[in-house]
Amino acid sequence: MVVAALAATVLAGPGVAQAVPPAASAPREQVAAATITWTLERAGNPTQDQRTAYDLITAAMNAAVARYNNLSDLGKSITVRYDPGVPTADGNINGTIRFGNRSYMTERTALHEIAHTIGVGTSSGWSSHTGGGTWSGAEATALVKRFDGSAAKLSTGGGHFWPYGLNYENEFSNTAGDRHVQIVAAMVRDGL
């Protein structure tokens, strides 16, 4: 009764007002704007081999950075290089990624290497949370349990984690890519 009277009074007056707040919807998880950016170092007069590699790397990095920026608030400025001497690809906490072999110029590899630039396998925080071959941080552990059940854990070794570490091409799917980003972000909150 009071709400109806208030609504009638407000709606009769000048201007636009809302007498009754809208019905509350289920809370949505909102991610702050991310700040992962990247640049590709290019030769001044690239060969056809370099141009082909640059195109593949650009597509892979654009897809991976878009996924990180849509699903996390992680920040990093990354410099990417094409280096045919690199057998696969590698990422360093200093913010560099090198791609070598064409079969690794994929979104999966780019996601994986971005994780290394953020600290997976490369930071002191990684070392302090990976004793015994299992990630010990509470947030990432809770997240993998939410994804895979109460017995799930994040295994670690050799600077990598699984599941969702995207260590091999056959591990990639859109769901796995999304979960990878969410777990890396949770690891950062854990102190990665």
N, C-alpha and C. Protein backbone atom coordinates (compact mmCIF):
# COMPACT_ATOMS: atom_id res chain seq x y z
N MET A 1 0.82 -1.19 0.00
CA MET A 1 0.00 0.00 0.00
C MET A 1 0.87 1.26 0.00
N VAL A 2 1.87 1.29 0.87
CA VAL A 2 2.75 2.45 0.95
C VAL A 2 3.52 2.60 -0.36
N VAL A 3 3.97 1.47 -0.92
CA VAL A 3 4.73 1.52 -2.16
C VAL A 3 3.86 2.08 -3.28
N ALA A 4 2.61 1.65 -3.36
CA ALA A 4 1.71 2.15 -4.41
C ALA A 4 1.49 3.64 -4.26
N ALA A 5 1.29 4.13 -3.03
CA ALA A 5 1.08 5.56 -2.80
C ALA A 5 2.33 6.34 -3.16
N LEU A 6 3.49 5.84 -2.78
CA LEU A 6 4.74 6.49 -3.09
C LEU A 6 4.94 6.54 -4.60
N ALA A 7 4.66 5.46 -5.26
CA ALA A 7 4.81 5.41 -6.72
C ALA A 7 3.89 6.43 -7.38
N ALA A 8 2.66 6.53 -6.93
CA ALA A 8 1.71 7.48 -7.51
C ALA A 8 2.18 8.90 -7.29
N THR A 9 2.69 9.20 -6.10
CA THR A 9 3.17 10.55 -5.79
C THR A 9 4.37 10.91 -6.65
N VAL A 10 5.33 9.99 -6.73
CA VAL A 10 6.55 10.28 -7.48
C VAL A 10 6.23 10.42 -8.96
N LEU A 11 5.41 9.54 -9.49
CA LEU A 11 5.11 9.57 -10.91
C LEU A 11 4.26 10.78 -11.30
N ALA A 12 3.52 11.38 -10.32
CA ALA A 12 2.70 12.54 -10.62
C ALA A 12 3.53 13.81 -10.67
N GLY A 13 4.71 13.81 -10.02
CA GLY A 13 5.54 15.01 -9.97
C GLY A 13 6.37 15.16 -11.23
N PRO A 14 7.09 16.29 -11.32
CA PRO A 14 7.92 16.54 -12.49
C PRO A 14 9.15 15.63 -12.50
N GLY A 15 9.73 15.45 -13.69
CA GLY A 15 10.95 14.65 -13.81
C GLY A 15 10.63 13.16 -13.82
N VAL A 16 11.67 12.40 -13.88
CA VAL A 16 11.52 10.95 -13.89
C VAL A 16 12.17 10.43 -12.63
N ALA A 17 11.45 9.60 -11.94
CA ALA A 17 11.99 8.99 -10.72
C ALA A 17 11.54 7.55 -10.68
N GLN A 18 12.21 6.80 -9.89
CA GLN A 18 11.84 5.40 -9.74
C GLN A 18 11.42 5.21 -8.30
N ALA A 19 10.13 4.89 -8.09
CA ALA A 19 9.61 4.75 -6.74
C ALA A 19 9.99 3.40 -6.13
N VAL A 20 10.10 2.39 -6.95
CA VAL A 20 10.39 1.06 -6.45
C VAL A 20 11.64 0.57 -7.15
N PRO A 21 12.63 0.12 -6.38
CA PRO A 21 13.84 -0.37 -7.04
C PRO A 21 13.51 -1.60 -7.88
N PRO A 22 14.24 -1.80 -8.96
CA PRO A 22 13.97 -2.97 -9.79
C PRO A 22 14.22 -4.24 -9.00
N ALA A 23 13.54 -5.29 -9.39
CA ALA A 23 13.73 -6.57 -8.72
C ALA A 23 15.19 -6.97 -8.83
N ALA A 24 15.72 -7.46 -7.75
CA ALA A 24 17.12 -7.86 -7.74
C ALA A 24 17.30 -9.11 -8.59
N SER A 25 18.32 -9.08 -9.42
CA SER A 25 18.62 -10.26 -10.21
C SER A 25 19.77 -11.00 -9.54
N ALA A 26 20.02 -12.19 -9.99
CA ALA A 26 21.12 -12.96 -9.42
C ALA A 26 22.41 -12.18 -9.60
N PRO A 27 23.27 -12.18 -8.59
CA PRO A 27 24.51 -11.42 -8.73
C PRO A 27 25.35 -12.00 -9.86
N ARG A 28 25.95 -11.12 -10.64
CA ARG A 28 26.80 -11.54 -11.75
C ARG A 28 28.24 -11.25 -11.40
N GLU A 29 29.10 -12.17 -11.76
CA GLU A 29 30.52 -11.95 -11.54
C GLU A 29 30.99 -10.94 -12.57
N GLN A 30 31.58 -9.86 -12.10
CA GLN A 30 32.09 -8.85 -13.00
C GLN A 30 33.60 -8.81 -12.86
N VAL A 31 34.28 -8.76 -13.98
CA VAL A 31 35.73 -8.72 -14.00
C VAL A 31 36.14 -7.31 -14.38
N ALA A 32 37.08 -6.77 -13.62
CA ALA A 32 37.58 -5.44 -13.93
C ALA A 32 38.29 -5.46 -15.28
N ALA A 33 38.39 -4.31 -15.89
CA ALA A 33 39.06 -4.22 -17.18
C ALA A 33 40.49 -4.72 -17.05
N ALA A 34 40.87 -5.59 -17.94
CA ALA A 34 42.21 -6.16 -17.93
C ALA A 34 43.18 -5.26 -18.69
N THR A 35 44.43 -5.48 -18.44
CA THR A 35 45.42 -4.63 -19.08
C THR A 35 46.53 -5.44 -19.74
N ILE A 36 46.24 -6.64 -20.20
CA ILE A 36 47.26 -7.37 -20.94
C ILE A 36 47.34 -6.78 -22.35
N THR A 37 48.54 -6.39 -22.72
CA THR A 37 48.80 -5.86 -24.05
C THR A 37 50.00 -6.61 -24.62
N TRP A 38 50.13 -6.54 -25.92
CA TRP A 38 51.28 -7.21 -26.52
C TRP A 38 51.72 -6.50 -27.78
N THR A 39 53.01 -6.65 -28.09
CA THR A 39 53.56 -6.13 -29.33
C THR A 39 54.43 -7.22 -29.95
N LEU A 40 54.45 -7.24 -31.26
CA LEU A 40 55.24 -8.21 -32.01
C LEU A 40 56.43 -7.49 -32.62
N GLU A 41 57.60 -7.94 -32.29
CA GLU A 41 58.80 -7.39 -32.93
C GLU A 41 58.91 -7.98 -34.33
N ARG A 42 58.98 -7.10 -35.32
CA ARG A 42 59.02 -7.52 -36.72
C ARG A 42 60.31 -7.05 -37.39
N ALA A 43 60.76 -7.84 -38.34
CA ALA A 43 61.90 -7.45 -39.15
C ALA A 43 61.49 -6.27 -40.04
N GLY A 44 62.43 -5.38 -40.36
CA GLY A 44 62.14 -4.24 -41.21
C GLY A 44 61.72 -4.64 -42.61
N ASN A 45 62.32 -5.66 -43.14
CA ASN A 45 62.00 -6.15 -44.48
C ASN A 45 61.79 -7.67 -44.37
N PRO A 46 60.62 -8.08 -43.88
CA PRO A 46 60.42 -9.51 -43.56
C PRO A 46 60.40 -10.40 -44.80
N THR A 47 60.92 -11.61 -44.59
CA THR A 47 60.86 -12.64 -45.62
C THR A 47 59.44 -13.21 -45.64
N GLN A 48 59.14 -14.03 -46.65
CA GLN A 48 57.84 -14.69 -46.70
C GLN A 48 57.65 -15.58 -45.47
N ASP A 49 58.70 -16.28 -45.05
CA ASP A 49 58.63 -17.11 -43.84
C ASP A 49 58.25 -16.26 -42.63
N GLN A 50 58.86 -15.13 -42.46
CA GLN A 50 58.55 -14.26 -41.34
C GLN A 50 57.13 -13.72 -41.43
N ARG A 51 56.70 -13.31 -42.63
CA ARG A 51 55.33 -12.78 -42.77
C ARG A 51 54.30 -13.86 -42.40
N THR A 52 54.53 -15.08 -42.83
CA THR A 52 53.62 -16.18 -42.49
C THR A 52 53.60 -16.40 -40.99
N ALA A 53 54.76 -16.42 -40.37
CA ALA A 53 54.84 -16.60 -38.92
C ALA A 53 54.15 -15.44 -38.20
N TYR A 54 54.39 -14.22 -38.64
CA TYR A 54 53.77 -13.06 -38.01
C TYR A 54 52.24 -13.15 -38.05
N ASP A 55 51.70 -13.61 -39.18
CA ASP A 55 50.24 -13.75 -39.29
C ASP A 55 49.71 -14.78 -38.30
N LEU A 56 50.38 -15.93 -38.21
CA LEU A 56 49.94 -16.98 -37.28
C LEU A 56 50.06 -16.52 -35.83
N ILE A 57 51.18 -15.89 -35.51
CA ILE A 57 51.40 -15.41 -34.14
C ILE A 57 50.37 -14.34 -33.79
N THR A 58 50.09 -13.44 -34.71
CA THR A 58 49.12 -12.37 -34.45
C THR A 58 47.75 -12.95 -34.16
N ALA A 59 47.31 -13.91 -34.95
CA ALA A 59 46.00 -14.52 -34.70
C ALA A 59 45.97 -15.22 -33.34
N ALA A 60 47.03 -15.95 -33.02
CA ALA A 60 47.09 -16.68 -31.74
C ALA A 60 47.10 -15.71 -30.55
N MET A 61 47.93 -14.69 -30.62
CA MET A 61 48.03 -13.75 -29.51
C MET A 61 46.77 -12.91 -29.36
N ASN A 62 46.17 -12.48 -30.47
CA ASN A 62 44.93 -11.71 -30.37
C ASN A 62 43.84 -12.51 -29.67
N ALA A 63 43.70 -13.78 -30.03
CA ALA A 63 42.68 -14.64 -29.41
C ALA A 63 42.98 -14.85 -27.93
N ALA A 64 44.23 -15.14 -27.60
CA ALA A 64 44.60 -15.42 -26.21
C ALA A 64 44.46 -14.17 -25.33
N VAL A 65 44.93 -13.04 -25.81
CA VAL A 65 44.83 -11.81 -25.03
C VAL A 65 43.37 -11.41 -24.85
N ALA A 66 42.56 -11.58 -25.87
CA ALA A 66 41.13 -11.28 -25.73
C ALA A 66 40.51 -12.15 -24.65
N ARG A 67 40.87 -13.43 -24.62
CA ARG A 67 40.32 -14.33 -23.59
C ARG A 67 40.78 -13.89 -22.20
N TYR A 68 42.06 -13.61 -22.03
CA TYR A 68 42.56 -13.13 -20.73
C TYR A 68 41.86 -11.82 -20.34
N ASN A 69 41.73 -10.90 -21.28
CA ASN A 69 41.14 -9.61 -20.95
C ASN A 69 39.65 -9.71 -20.66
N ASN A 70 38.96 -10.67 -21.25
CA ASN A 70 37.53 -10.85 -20.98
C ASN A 70 37.26 -11.55 -19.66
N LEU A 71 38.20 -12.38 -19.20
CA LEU A 71 37.92 -13.24 -18.04
C LEU A 71 38.78 -12.95 -16.82
N SER A 72 39.66 -11.97 -16.90
CA SER A 72 40.52 -11.68 -15.75
C SER A 72 40.81 -10.19 -15.67
N ASP A 73 41.42 -9.83 -14.56
CA ASP A 73 41.88 -8.45 -14.40
C ASP A 73 43.41 -8.40 -14.35
N LEU A 74 44.04 -9.40 -14.94
CA LEU A 74 45.49 -9.48 -14.93
C LEU A 74 46.08 -8.44 -15.86
N GLY A 75 47.24 -7.96 -15.51
CA GLY A 75 47.92 -6.97 -16.33
C GLY A 75 49.33 -7.39 -16.67
N LYS A 76 49.73 -7.15 -17.89
CA LYS A 76 51.09 -7.44 -18.33
C LYS A 76 51.29 -6.82 -19.69
N SER A 77 52.47 -6.28 -19.92
CA SER A 77 52.87 -5.84 -21.26
C SER A 77 53.83 -6.89 -21.77
N ILE A 78 53.49 -7.48 -22.90
CA ILE A 78 54.24 -8.61 -23.42
C ILE A 78 54.87 -8.24 -24.76
N THR A 79 56.12 -8.64 -24.93
CA THR A 79 56.82 -8.49 -26.21
C THR A 79 56.96 -9.88 -26.81
N VAL A 80 56.54 -10.01 -28.06
CA VAL A 80 56.54 -11.31 -28.74
C VAL A 80 57.53 -11.27 -29.89
N ARG A 81 58.26 -12.39 -30.03
CA ARG A 81 59.24 -12.52 -31.11
C ARG A 81 59.03 -13.82 -31.86
N TYR A 82 59.33 -13.80 -33.14
CA TYR A 82 59.43 -15.03 -33.92
C TYR A 82 60.89 -15.41 -33.94
N ASP A 83 61.19 -16.61 -33.43
CA ASP A 83 62.56 -17.10 -33.38
C ASP A 83 62.57 -18.54 -33.87
N PRO A 84 62.92 -18.77 -35.14
CA PRO A 84 62.89 -20.12 -35.70
C PRO A 84 63.78 -21.11 -34.94
N GLY A 85 64.70 -20.63 -34.14
CA GLY A 85 65.58 -21.51 -33.36
C GLY A 85 64.91 -22.09 -32.12
N VAL A 86 63.73 -21.58 -31.75
CA VAL A 86 63.00 -22.09 -30.59
C VAL A 86 62.20 -23.31 -31.06
N PRO A 87 62.42 -24.49 -30.45
CA PRO A 87 61.75 -25.69 -30.94
C PRO A 87 60.22 -25.66 -30.80
N THR A 88 59.71 -24.96 -29.79
CA THR A 88 58.26 -24.88 -29.56
C THR A 88 57.89 -23.42 -29.38
N ALA A 89 57.74 -23.00 -28.13
CA ALA A 89 57.51 -21.61 -27.74
C ALA A 89 57.93 -21.50 -26.29
N ASP A 90 58.21 -20.29 -25.83
CA ASP A 90 58.52 -20.12 -24.42
C ASP A 90 58.10 -18.73 -23.96
N GLY A 91 57.79 -18.65 -22.67
CA GLY A 91 57.40 -17.38 -22.06
C GLY A 91 58.22 -17.15 -20.81
N ASN A 92 58.54 -15.91 -20.54
CA ASN A 92 59.38 -15.55 -19.42
C ASN A 92 58.69 -14.49 -18.57
N ILE A 93 58.94 -14.51 -17.28
CA ILE A 93 58.32 -13.52 -16.39
C ILE A 93 58.72 -12.10 -16.75
N ASN A 94 59.80 -11.92 -17.51
CA ASN A 94 60.19 -10.57 -17.93
C ASN A 94 59.26 -10.01 -19.00
N GLY A 95 58.27 -10.81 -19.43
CA GLY A 95 57.27 -10.31 -20.38
C GLY A 95 57.56 -10.63 -21.82
N THR A 96 58.46 -11.59 -22.07
CA THR A 96 58.74 -11.96 -23.45
C THR A 96 58.19 -13.35 -23.76
N ILE A 97 57.72 -13.50 -24.98
CA ILE A 97 57.30 -14.79 -25.51
C ILE A 97 57.99 -14.96 -26.85
N ARG A 98 58.55 -16.16 -27.05
CA ARG A 98 59.16 -16.49 -28.34
C ARG A 98 58.42 -17.68 -28.94
N PHE A 99 58.04 -17.53 -30.19
CA PHE A 99 57.43 -18.63 -30.94
C PHE A 99 58.44 -19.10 -31.97
N GLY A 100 58.57 -20.42 -32.12
CA GLY A 100 59.45 -20.98 -33.12
C GLY A 100 58.68 -21.82 -34.12
N ASN A 101 58.41 -23.04 -33.76
CA ASN A 101 57.74 -24.01 -34.62
C ASN A 101 56.32 -23.57 -34.95
N ARG A 102 55.95 -23.64 -36.22
CA ARG A 102 54.62 -23.21 -36.67
C ARG A 102 53.47 -23.93 -35.95
N SER A 103 53.66 -25.20 -35.63
CA SER A 103 52.56 -25.96 -35.01
C SER A 103 52.24 -25.45 -33.60
N TYR A 104 53.08 -24.59 -33.05
CA TYR A 104 52.83 -24.01 -31.74
C TYR A 104 52.31 -22.58 -31.81
N MET A 105 52.07 -22.08 -32.97
CA MET A 105 51.55 -20.72 -33.15
C MET A 105 50.03 -20.77 -33.11
N THR A 106 49.51 -21.14 -31.92
CA THR A 106 48.07 -21.35 -31.70
C THR A 106 47.62 -20.59 -30.48
N GLU A 107 46.31 -20.42 -30.35
CA GLU A 107 45.77 -19.77 -29.16
C GLU A 107 46.15 -20.55 -27.90
N ARG A 108 46.09 -21.87 -27.97
CA ARG A 108 46.42 -22.69 -26.80
C ARG A 108 47.83 -22.38 -26.31
N THR A 109 48.78 -22.36 -27.23
CA THR A 109 50.16 -22.07 -26.86
C THR A 109 50.28 -20.65 -26.32
N ALA A 110 49.62 -19.70 -26.95
CA ALA A 110 49.69 -18.31 -26.50
C ALA A 110 49.14 -18.18 -25.08
N LEU A 111 48.01 -18.83 -24.79
CA LEU A 111 47.45 -18.80 -23.43
C LEU A 111 48.47 -19.35 -22.43
N HIS A 112 49.04 -20.50 -22.77
CA HIS A 112 50.01 -21.17 -21.91
C HIS A 112 51.23 -20.27 -21.65
N GLU A 113 51.76 -19.66 -22.71
CA GLU A 113 52.96 -18.83 -22.57
C GLU A 113 52.65 -17.52 -21.84
N ILE A 114 51.48 -16.97 -22.04
CA ILE A 114 51.10 -15.78 -21.25
C ILE A 114 51.12 -16.12 -19.77
N ALA A 115 50.64 -17.31 -19.41
CA ALA A 115 50.67 -17.73 -18.00
C ALA A 115 52.10 -17.72 -17.46
N HIS A 116 53.07 -18.14 -18.27
CA HIS A 116 54.47 -18.09 -17.82
C HIS A 116 54.92 -16.65 -17.60
N THR A 117 54.48 -15.72 -18.45
CA THR A 117 54.89 -14.32 -18.25
C THR A 117 54.28 -13.74 -16.98
N ILE A 118 53.15 -14.30 -16.56
CA ILE A 118 52.48 -13.81 -15.35
C ILE A 118 53.09 -14.44 -14.10
N GLY A 119 53.78 -15.56 -14.24
CA GLY A 119 54.46 -16.16 -13.10
C GLY A 119 54.34 -17.66 -12.95
N VAL A 120 53.50 -18.30 -13.76
CA VAL A 120 53.38 -19.76 -13.68
C VAL A 120 54.72 -20.38 -14.05
N GLY A 121 55.32 -21.07 -13.09
CA GLY A 121 56.60 -21.74 -13.31
C GLY A 121 57.79 -20.82 -13.34
N THR A 122 57.59 -19.51 -13.18
CA THR A 122 58.69 -18.56 -13.35
C THR A 122 58.87 -17.59 -12.18
N SER A 123 58.01 -17.65 -11.19
CA SER A 123 58.09 -16.67 -10.10
C SER A 123 58.38 -17.34 -8.77
N SER A 124 58.82 -16.55 -7.81
CA SER A 124 59.04 -17.09 -6.46
C SER A 124 57.71 -17.49 -5.83
N GLY A 125 56.63 -16.81 -6.17
CA GLY A 125 55.31 -17.19 -5.68
C GLY A 125 54.92 -18.57 -6.16
N TRP A 126 55.30 -18.91 -7.38
CA TRP A 126 55.06 -20.26 -7.90
C TRP A 126 55.78 -21.28 -7.02
N SER A 127 57.05 -21.03 -6.77
CA SER A 127 57.85 -21.97 -5.98
C SER A 127 57.29 -22.17 -4.58
N SER A 128 56.77 -21.10 -3.99
CA SER A 128 56.27 -21.21 -2.62
C SER A 128 54.91 -21.90 -2.51
N HIS A 129 54.24 -22.14 -3.66
CA HIS A 129 52.92 -22.78 -3.64
C HIS A 129 52.88 -24.15 -4.30
N THR A 130 54.04 -24.70 -4.67
CA THR A 130 54.01 -25.94 -5.45
C THR A 130 54.75 -27.10 -4.79
N GLY A 131 55.04 -27.01 -3.53
CA GLY A 131 55.71 -28.11 -2.85
C GLY A 131 54.88 -29.38 -2.90
N GLY A 132 55.55 -30.50 -3.09
CA GLY A 132 54.85 -31.77 -3.10
C GLY A 132 54.07 -32.05 -4.36
N GLY A 133 54.22 -31.21 -5.38
CA GLY A 133 53.57 -31.47 -6.65
C GLY A 133 52.11 -31.07 -6.73
N THR A 134 51.63 -30.30 -5.75
CA THR A 134 50.24 -29.85 -5.76
C THR A 134 50.21 -28.37 -5.40
N TRP A 135 49.42 -27.59 -6.13
CA TRP A 135 49.25 -26.17 -5.82
C TRP A 135 48.59 -26.05 -4.45
N SER A 136 49.16 -25.20 -3.58
CA SER A 136 48.65 -25.08 -2.21
C SER A 136 47.78 -23.85 -1.99
N GLY A 137 47.67 -22.96 -2.96
CA GLY A 137 46.86 -21.76 -2.78
C GLY A 137 45.38 -22.07 -2.70
N ALA A 138 44.68 -21.39 -1.78
CA ALA A 138 43.28 -21.70 -1.50
C ALA A 138 42.33 -21.34 -2.65
N GLU A 139 42.55 -20.19 -3.30
CA GLU A 139 41.59 -19.76 -4.32
C GLU A 139 41.62 -20.65 -5.57
N ALA A 140 42.80 -20.93 -6.08
CA ALA A 140 42.89 -21.78 -7.27
C ALA A 140 42.44 -23.20 -6.96
N THR A 141 42.76 -23.67 -5.75
CA THR A 141 42.33 -25.02 -5.35
C THR A 141 40.81 -25.09 -5.27
N ALA A 142 40.20 -24.09 -4.67
CA ALA A 142 38.72 -24.08 -4.59
C ALA A 142 38.10 -24.01 -5.98
N LEU A 143 38.72 -23.28 -6.88
CA LEU A 143 38.18 -23.14 -8.23
C LEU A 143 38.22 -24.47 -8.99
N VAL A 144 39.33 -25.18 -8.92
CA VAL A 144 39.40 -26.46 -9.63
C VAL A 144 38.43 -27.47 -9.02
N LYS A 145 38.20 -27.38 -7.72
CA LYS A 145 37.19 -28.25 -7.09
C LYS A 145 35.80 -27.89 -7.59
N ARG A 146 35.54 -26.60 -7.78
CA ARG A 146 34.25 -26.18 -8.32
C ARG A 146 34.06 -26.71 -9.74
N PHE A 147 35.13 -26.68 -10.52
CA PHE A 147 35.06 -27.18 -11.89
C PHE A 147 34.92 -28.69 -11.97
N ASP A 148 35.69 -29.42 -11.14
CA ASP A 148 35.85 -30.86 -11.34
C ASP A 148 35.46 -31.75 -10.16
N GLY A 149 34.93 -31.17 -9.10
CA GLY A 149 34.49 -31.99 -7.98
C GLY A 149 35.42 -31.90 -6.78
N SER A 150 34.93 -32.35 -5.65
CA SER A 150 35.63 -32.16 -4.37
C SER A 150 36.97 -32.87 -4.29
N ALA A 151 37.22 -33.87 -5.09
CA ALA A 151 38.50 -34.58 -5.05
C ALA A 151 39.55 -33.95 -5.99
N ALA A 152 39.15 -32.95 -6.77
CA ALA A 152 40.07 -32.36 -7.75
C ALA A 152 41.20 -31.61 -7.08
N LYS A 153 42.34 -31.56 -7.74
CA LYS A 153 43.49 -30.79 -7.28
C LYS A 153 44.24 -30.27 -8.48
N LEU A 154 45.07 -29.27 -8.26
CA LEU A 154 45.95 -28.75 -9.30
C LEU A 154 47.32 -29.36 -9.08
N SER A 155 47.72 -30.22 -9.97
CA SER A 155 49.04 -30.83 -9.90
C SER A 155 50.05 -29.89 -10.54
N THR A 156 51.29 -29.93 -10.05
CA THR A 156 52.34 -29.06 -10.56
C THR A 156 53.62 -29.86 -10.77
N GLY A 157 54.41 -29.41 -11.72
CA GLY A 157 55.70 -30.02 -11.96
C GLY A 157 56.36 -29.41 -13.18
N GLY A 158 57.67 -29.25 -13.11
CA GLY A 158 58.39 -28.71 -14.26
C GLY A 158 57.94 -27.34 -14.71
N GLY A 159 57.42 -26.54 -13.80
CA GLY A 159 56.96 -25.19 -14.15
C GLY A 159 55.60 -25.15 -14.79
N HIS A 160 54.85 -26.26 -14.70
CA HIS A 160 53.53 -26.35 -15.32
C HIS A 160 52.50 -26.85 -14.32
N PHE A 161 51.22 -26.70 -14.67
CA PHE A 161 50.15 -27.24 -13.84
C PHE A 161 49.14 -27.95 -14.71
N TRP A 162 48.36 -28.81 -14.09
CA TRP A 162 47.28 -29.52 -14.77
C TRP A 162 46.26 -29.94 -13.76
N PRO A 163 45.00 -30.03 -14.06
CA PRO A 163 44.40 -29.77 -15.37
C PRO A 163 44.37 -28.26 -15.68
N TYR A 164 44.00 -27.97 -16.88
CA TYR A 164 43.78 -26.61 -17.39
C TYR A 164 45.05 -25.80 -17.60
N GLY A 165 46.21 -26.45 -17.53
CA GLY A 165 47.46 -25.75 -17.82
C GLY A 165 47.71 -25.58 -19.30
N LEU A 166 46.91 -26.28 -20.11
CA LEU A 166 47.03 -26.21 -21.57
C LEU A 166 48.46 -26.51 -22.02
N ASN A 167 48.99 -27.60 -21.49
CA ASN A 167 50.36 -28.00 -21.78
C ASN A 167 50.51 -28.67 -23.15
N TYR A 168 49.42 -29.20 -23.67
CA TYR A 168 49.43 -29.88 -24.97
C TYR A 168 48.22 -29.45 -25.79
N GLU A 169 48.37 -29.47 -27.09
CA GLU A 169 47.31 -28.99 -27.97
C GLU A 169 46.00 -29.75 -27.76
N ASN A 170 46.08 -31.05 -27.46
CA ASN A 170 44.86 -31.85 -27.29
C ASN A 170 44.10 -31.51 -26.01
N GLU A 171 44.64 -30.65 -25.17
CA GLU A 171 43.94 -30.21 -23.95
C GLU A 171 43.04 -29.00 -24.20
N PHE A 172 43.14 -28.41 -25.38
CA PHE A 172 42.44 -27.16 -25.62
C PHE A 172 41.00 -27.35 -26.06
N SER A 173 40.12 -26.58 -25.45
CA SER A 173 38.74 -26.37 -25.88
C SER A 173 38.38 -24.98 -25.37
N ASN A 174 37.26 -24.44 -25.80
CA ASN A 174 36.86 -23.13 -25.28
C ASN A 174 36.67 -23.17 -23.77
N THR A 175 36.06 -24.24 -23.27
CA THR A 175 35.88 -24.37 -21.82
C THR A 175 37.22 -24.44 -21.11
N ALA A 176 38.13 -25.27 -21.62
CA ALA A 176 39.45 -25.40 -21.00
C ALA A 176 40.21 -24.07 -21.06
N GLY A 177 40.08 -23.34 -22.17
CA GLY A 177 40.74 -22.04 -22.28
C GLY A 177 40.22 -21.05 -21.25
N ASP A 178 38.90 -21.02 -21.08
CA ASP A 178 38.30 -20.13 -20.08
C ASP A 178 38.76 -20.52 -18.67
N ARG A 179 38.74 -21.81 -18.38
CA ARG A 179 39.13 -22.27 -17.04
C ARG A 179 40.61 -22.02 -16.79
N HIS A 180 41.42 -22.15 -17.80
CA HIS A 180 42.85 -21.84 -17.69
C HIS A 180 43.04 -20.41 -17.18
N VAL A 181 42.39 -19.47 -17.85
CA VAL A 181 42.53 -18.06 -17.48
C VAL A 181 42.03 -17.84 -16.05
N GLN A 182 40.89 -18.41 -15.71
CA GLN A 182 40.34 -18.24 -14.37
C GLN A 182 41.26 -18.83 -13.30
N ILE A 183 41.88 -19.97 -13.60
CA ILE A 183 42.80 -20.57 -12.62
C ILE A 183 44.06 -19.73 -12.48
N VAL A 184 44.62 -19.26 -13.60
CA VAL A 184 45.81 -18.40 -13.51
C VAL A 184 45.48 -17.15 -12.67
N ALA A 185 44.34 -16.54 -12.90
CA ALA A 185 43.95 -15.36 -12.12
C ALA A 185 43.80 -15.72 -10.64
N ALA A 186 43.25 -16.89 -10.34
CA ALA A 186 43.12 -17.33 -8.94
C ALA A 186 44.50 -17.59 -8.34
N MET A 187 45.41 -18.14 -9.11
CA MET A 187 46.78 -18.34 -8.63
C MET A 187 47.43 -17.01 -8.27
N VAL A 188 47.19 -16.00 -9.09
CA VAL A 188 47.73 -14.67 -8.78
C VAL A 188 47.14 -14.17 -7.45
N ARG A 189 45.85 -14.34 -7.26
CA ARG A 189 45.25 -13.94 -5.98
C ARG A 189 45.81 -14.74 -4.81
N ASP A 190 46.24 -15.97 -5.08
CA ASP A 190 46.88 -16.80 -4.05
C ASP A 190 48.31 -16.37 -3.74
N GLY A 191 48.87 -15.51 -4.54
CA GLY A 191 50.22 -15.04 -4.30
C GLY A 191 51.24 -15.48 -5.32
N LEU A 192 50.76 -15.89 -6.50
CA LEU A 192 51.67 -16.29 -7.58
C LEU A 192 52.65 -15.17 -7.85
